[in-house]
Amino acid sequence: MSTDTISKTEHVKISDEDCFHFDTQGFLILRSVLNIEEVNALLEKFNEINARGTDTTYLKKKTMHPNDVGKSSVIHIDDHYVRLNSLDELDPLFGTLVNHPRILPYLQEFMKEPKYRGSWGIANSQGPHFSSWHAGHEPSGFSFNDGKIRSLSVNTSWFLSKNGPDDGCLLLVPGSHKANLKLNFKSYPGIELPGSVRAVGEAGDVVLFSECVLHMGDKKSTPGPRTNLYYVYSEASRKD
């Protein structure tokens, strides 16, 4: 897994509205970050690597181990879930998203010295939920002090397909990055968790969300695959 400090750029002012939304909700959707040509090129490369089957490992979901996803690999889990890990190591084209100019200003606004930690892509077709509610950090990992938002980690979800309400889209619980109470989150299947919402959008959109926010992948009931790429960043001082 690559762990590169992201490029330094000139300060770009993030709107007060975007900062307010990220602070209160814990996520933000940016529209049309990629154009259709960029989306198609990434999707074609994703499908090419999956079809090639190089270093493919077949696992069942509950036996997946961090060592299986922390290196470049293609993993098939049951018949409707495919995961490509360490995308930038699988092909240089995926590396072009690490320092994307539309995303960098937000990472630099919401984190202290953001550092790229790794990436993966998920294509899921019709079938049940392929994950359960989880978060990378406790709410204590999100703060607001001296006018600055600070999230220990920020994840970015790049839509290479339409993410409609029934397309197996990303589910989020707005405000859970500041939650004081806990439920038995894994007992709630998808959207049934109180307060949860679907992050819907078109191919080319990107969702930025704090890893302190509860999230999971929804079940998919529409035909064809839904493909998203995920690039995660954390503060450079962190070792995990």
Protein backbone atom coordinates (compact mmCIF):
# COMPACT_ATOMS: atom_id res chain seq x y z
CA MET A 1 0.00 0.00 0.00
CA SER A 2 1.41 3.38 -1.00
CA THR A 3 1.77 6.00 1.73
CA ASP A 4 2.75 9.23 0.01
CA THR A 5 2.41 12.73 1.31
CA ILE A 6 0.17 14.50 -1.17
CA SER A 7 1.41 17.38 -3.30
CA LYS A 8 1.49 20.87 -1.87
CA THR A 9 -0.69 23.32 -3.74
CA GLU A 10 -1.47 27.00 -3.46
CA HIS A 11 -4.23 27.63 -0.93
CA VAL A 12 -7.64 27.44 -2.53
CA LYS A 13 -10.50 28.93 -0.55
CA ILE A 14 -13.22 26.43 0.31
CA SER A 15 -16.63 28.03 0.55
CA ASP A 16 -18.18 28.64 3.94
CA GLU A 17 -21.16 26.56 2.80
CA ASP A 18 -18.98 23.53 2.02
CA CYS A 19 -17.14 23.85 5.33
CA PHE A 20 -20.43 24.15 7.21
CA HIS A 21 -21.84 21.07 5.47
CA PHE A 22 -18.74 18.95 6.15
CA ASP A 23 -18.57 20.09 9.77
CA THR A 24 -22.23 19.38 10.53
CA GLN A 25 -22.85 16.37 8.29
CA GLY A 26 -19.41 14.77 8.10
CA PHE A 27 -19.49 14.39 4.33
CA LEU A 28 -19.72 16.41 1.14
CA ILE A 29 -20.65 15.51 -2.45
CA LEU A 30 -18.74 17.21 -5.26
CA ARG A 31 -20.45 17.07 -8.63
CA SER A 32 -18.83 16.41 -12.03
CA VAL A 33 -15.26 16.11 -10.76
CA LEU A 34 -14.48 13.77 -13.68
CA ASN A 35 -15.72 14.14 -17.23
CA ILE A 36 -17.20 11.25 -19.19
CA GLU A 37 -13.92 10.49 -21.01
CA GLU A 38 -12.04 10.22 -17.70
CA VAL A 39 -14.78 8.05 -16.20
CA ASN A 40 -14.80 5.70 -19.19
CA ALA A 41 -11.00 5.34 -19.19
CA LEU A 42 -10.93 4.44 -15.48
CA LEU A 43 -13.86 2.06 -15.80
CA GLU A 44 -12.29 0.35 -18.82
CA LYS A 45 -9.03 -0.12 -16.91
CA PHE A 46 -10.88 -1.46 -13.86
CA ASN A 47 -12.73 -4.03 -15.99
CA GLU A 48 -9.57 -4.94 -17.89
CA ILE A 49 -7.65 -5.73 -14.69
CA ASN A 50 -10.56 -7.70 -13.29
CA ALA A 51 -10.95 -9.74 -16.50
CA ARG A 52 -7.23 -10.39 -16.72
CA GLY A 53 -7.35 -12.10 -13.35
CA THR A 54 -3.71 -11.44 -12.44
CA ASP A 55 -3.03 -12.38 -8.81
CA THR A 56 -6.72 -13.03 -8.29
CA THR A 57 -7.68 -14.43 -4.90
CA TYR A 58 -11.12 -15.84 -4.19
CA LEU A 59 -12.31 -15.31 -0.65
CA LYS A 60 -15.49 -15.37 1.36
CA LYS A 61 -16.36 -12.06 2.97
CA LYS A 62 -15.95 -13.17 6.56
CA THR A 63 -12.51 -14.63 5.87
CA MET A 64 -11.07 -11.47 4.35
CA HIS A 65 -7.94 -10.39 6.19
CA PRO A 66 -6.21 -6.96 6.18
CA ASN A 67 -3.18 -8.56 4.53
CA ASP A 68 -5.39 -9.53 1.60
CA VAL A 69 -6.51 -5.96 0.94
CA GLY A 70 -3.36 -4.05 1.88
CA LYS A 71 -1.54 -5.01 -1.31
CA SER A 72 -2.36 -4.97 -5.02
CA SER A 73 -4.87 -7.73 -5.65
CA VAL A 74 -8.17 -8.65 -7.28
CA ILE A 75 -10.62 -10.28 -4.89
CA HIS A 76 -13.93 -11.89 -5.80
CA ILE A 77 -16.33 -12.28 -2.90
CA ASP A 78 -19.38 -14.40 -3.82
CA ASP A 79 -20.97 -13.79 -7.21
CA HIS A 80 -21.77 -10.08 -7.04
CA TYR A 81 -18.84 -8.33 -5.38
CA VAL A 82 -15.39 -7.60 -6.84
CA ARG A 83 -12.70 -5.61 -5.06
CA LEU A 84 -9.44 -4.31 -6.55
CA ASN A 85 -6.89 -3.22 -3.95
CA SER A 86 -4.02 -0.70 -4.12
CA LEU A 87 -5.29 0.72 -7.38
CA ASP A 88 -2.29 2.94 -8.08
CA GLU A 89 -0.04 -0.14 -7.92
CA LEU A 90 -2.26 -2.04 -10.34
CA ASP A 91 -2.05 0.67 -13.01
CA PRO A 92 -0.59 4.21 -13.20
CA LEU A 93 -3.91 5.58 -14.49
CA PHE A 94 -5.41 5.15 -11.03
CA GLY A 95 -2.53 7.11 -9.54
CA THR A 96 -3.72 10.23 -11.35
CA LEU A 97 -6.54 10.60 -8.82
CA VAL A 98 -4.30 10.70 -5.73
CA ASN A 99 -3.46 14.41 -6.10
CA HIS A 100 -6.50 15.48 -8.08
CA PRO A 101 -6.76 19.31 -8.10
CA ARG A 102 -10.49 19.32 -7.32
CA ILE A 103 -9.97 17.19 -4.20
CA LEU A 104 -6.67 18.45 -2.76
CA PRO A 105 -8.01 21.79 -1.44
CA TYR A 106 -10.67 19.99 0.60
CA LEU A 107 -8.18 17.53 2.07
CA GLN A 108 -5.90 20.40 3.03
CA GLU A 109 -8.83 22.32 4.54
CA PHE A 110 -10.15 19.41 6.62
CA MET A 111 -6.89 17.73 7.68
CA LYS A 112 -3.45 18.63 9.02
CA GLU A 113 -0.79 17.54 6.51
CA PRO A 114 -2.92 14.97 4.69
CA LYS A 115 -1.14 11.84 3.50
CA TYR A 116 -2.37 9.31 0.98
CA ARG A 117 -2.77 5.89 2.62
CA GLY A 118 -4.22 3.61 -0.04
CA SER A 119 -7.02 2.88 -2.46
CA TRP A 120 -9.42 0.22 -3.63
CA GLY A 121 -12.28 -0.18 -6.07
CA ILE A 122 -15.55 -2.03 -5.63
CA ALA A 123 -17.91 -3.30 -8.32
CA ASN A 124 -21.11 -4.84 -7.04
CA SER A 125 -24.04 -6.21 -9.00
CA GLN A 126 -27.50 -7.34 -7.92
CA GLY A 127 -27.41 -8.96 -4.52
CA PRO A 128 -27.60 -8.43 -0.75
CA HIS A 129 -25.56 -6.01 1.35
CA PHE A 130 -21.83 -6.60 1.00
CA SER A 131 -20.79 -4.76 4.16
CA SER A 132 -22.10 -3.63 7.54
CA TRP A 133 -22.01 -0.33 9.38
CA HIS A 134 -18.51 0.73 10.36
CA ALA A 135 -16.22 3.75 10.81
CA GLY A 136 -12.46 4.11 10.67
CA HIS A 137 -12.26 6.27 13.80
CA GLU A 138 -14.26 7.17 16.87
CA PRO A 139 -16.01 10.57 16.94
CA SER A 140 -13.09 11.87 19.01
CA GLY A 141 -11.10 11.79 15.76
CA PHE A 142 -13.09 14.79 14.47
CA SER A 143 -12.71 18.26 15.96
CA PHE A 144 -13.23 21.96 15.37
CA ASN A 145 -10.81 24.32 17.07
CA ASP A 146 -9.63 27.85 16.30
CA GLY A 147 -11.81 27.95 13.23
CA LYS A 148 -10.30 24.77 11.76
CA ILE A 149 -11.99 21.48 10.91
CA ARG A 150 -9.77 18.51 11.66
CA SER A 151 -10.59 14.91 10.69
CA LEU A 152 -7.96 12.25 11.35
CA SER A 153 -8.89 10.51 8.11
CA VAL A 154 -10.92 11.44 5.04
CA ASN A 155 -12.15 8.95 2.46
CA THR A 156 -13.08 9.84 -1.11
CA SER A 157 -15.54 7.77 -3.14
CA TRP A 158 -15.28 8.29 -6.91
CA PHE A 159 -18.38 7.28 -8.86
CA LEU A 160 -17.59 5.46 -12.12
CA SER A 161 -21.25 4.48 -12.46
CA LYS A 162 -24.56 6.04 -11.59
CA ASN A 163 -25.23 5.71 -7.86
CA GLY A 164 -29.01 5.84 -7.67
CA PRO A 165 -31.14 4.83 -4.66
CA ASP A 166 -31.29 1.19 -5.78
CA ASP A 167 -27.79 0.92 -7.28
CA GLY A 168 -25.99 -0.30 -4.18
CA CYS A 169 -24.76 3.17 -3.33
CA LEU A 170 -22.77 4.34 -0.34
CA LEU A 171 -24.82 4.73 2.85
CA LEU A 172 -23.88 7.35 5.44
CA VAL A 173 -25.19 8.54 8.80
CA PRO A 174 -24.91 12.34 8.74
CA GLY A 175 -23.66 13.73 12.05
CA SER A 176 -22.44 10.37 13.36
CA HIS A 177 -18.91 11.82 13.47
CA LYS A 178 -20.15 13.75 16.51
CA ALA A 179 -22.37 11.06 18.04
CA ASN A 180 -22.35 10.58 21.80
CA LEU A 181 -24.32 7.34 21.88
CA LYS A 182 -23.84 3.93 20.29
CA LEU A 183 -26.21 1.28 19.01
CA ASN A 184 -25.47 -2.28 17.98
CA PHE A 185 -24.83 -0.92 14.50
CA LYS A 186 -24.22 -4.28 12.83
CA SER A 187 -27.75 -5.38 13.72
CA TYR A 188 -29.25 -2.77 11.38
CA PRO A 189 -29.35 -3.83 7.71
CA GLY A 190 -28.51 -0.82 5.61
CA ILE A 191 -30.93 2.08 5.46
CA GLU A 192 -32.84 0.81 8.51
CA LEU A 193 -30.26 2.40 10.80
CA PRO A 194 -31.88 5.58 12.18
CA GLY A 195 -30.69 8.73 10.41
CA SER A 196 -28.95 6.95 7.54
CA VAL A 197 -29.05 8.35 4.00
CA ARG A 198 -28.03 7.23 0.52
CA ALA A 199 -25.22 9.17 -1.17
CA VAL A 200 -26.63 9.33 -4.70
CA GLY A 201 -25.07 10.85 -7.79
CA GLU A 202 -23.88 10.41 -11.35
CA ALA A 203 -20.69 8.97 -12.80
CA GLY A 204 -17.94 11.54 -12.22
CA ASP A 205 -19.20 12.72 -8.83
CA VAL A 206 -17.08 12.28 -5.68
CA VAL A 207 -18.13 11.91 -2.03
CA LEU A 208 -15.70 13.10 0.62
CA PHE A 209 -16.46 11.78 4.08
CA SER A 210 -14.74 11.72 7.42
CA GLU A 211 -13.75 8.22 8.51
CA CYS A 212 -15.45 9.12 11.81
CA VAL A 213 -18.79 8.89 9.97
CA LEU A 214 -20.66 5.59 10.02
CA HIS A 215 -20.89 4.17 6.50
CA MET A 216 -21.49 0.99 4.51
CA GLY A 217 -22.47 -0.25 1.04
CA ASP A 218 -26.15 -0.74 0.28
CA LYS A 219 -27.67 -3.77 -1.46
CA LYS A 220 -28.18 -3.48 -5.22
CA SER A 221 -31.45 -4.33 -6.95
CA THR A 222 -30.83 -2.83 -10.41
CA PRO A 223 -29.14 -4.72 -13.28
CA GLY A 224 -25.48 -4.26 -14.17
CA PRO A 225 -22.48 -3.43 -11.98
CA ARG A 226 -22.02 -0.27 -9.92
CA THR A 227 -18.34 0.66 -9.67
CA ASN A 228 -16.81 3.10 -7.18
CA LEU A 229 -13.17 3.85 -6.37
CA TYR A 230 -12.02 4.77 -2.86
CA TYR A 231 -8.93 6.78 -1.93
CA VAL A 232 -8.25 7.28 1.76
CA TYR A 233 -6.04 9.91 3.43
CA SER A 234 -4.99 10.54 7.01
CA GLU A 235 -2.84 12.99 8.91
CA ALA A 236 0.84 12.46 8.14
CA SER A 237 1.69 12.10 11.85
CA ARG A 238 -0.47 8.97 12.13
CA LYS A 239 1.22 5.60 11.64
CA ASP A 240 -1.96 3.57 10.95
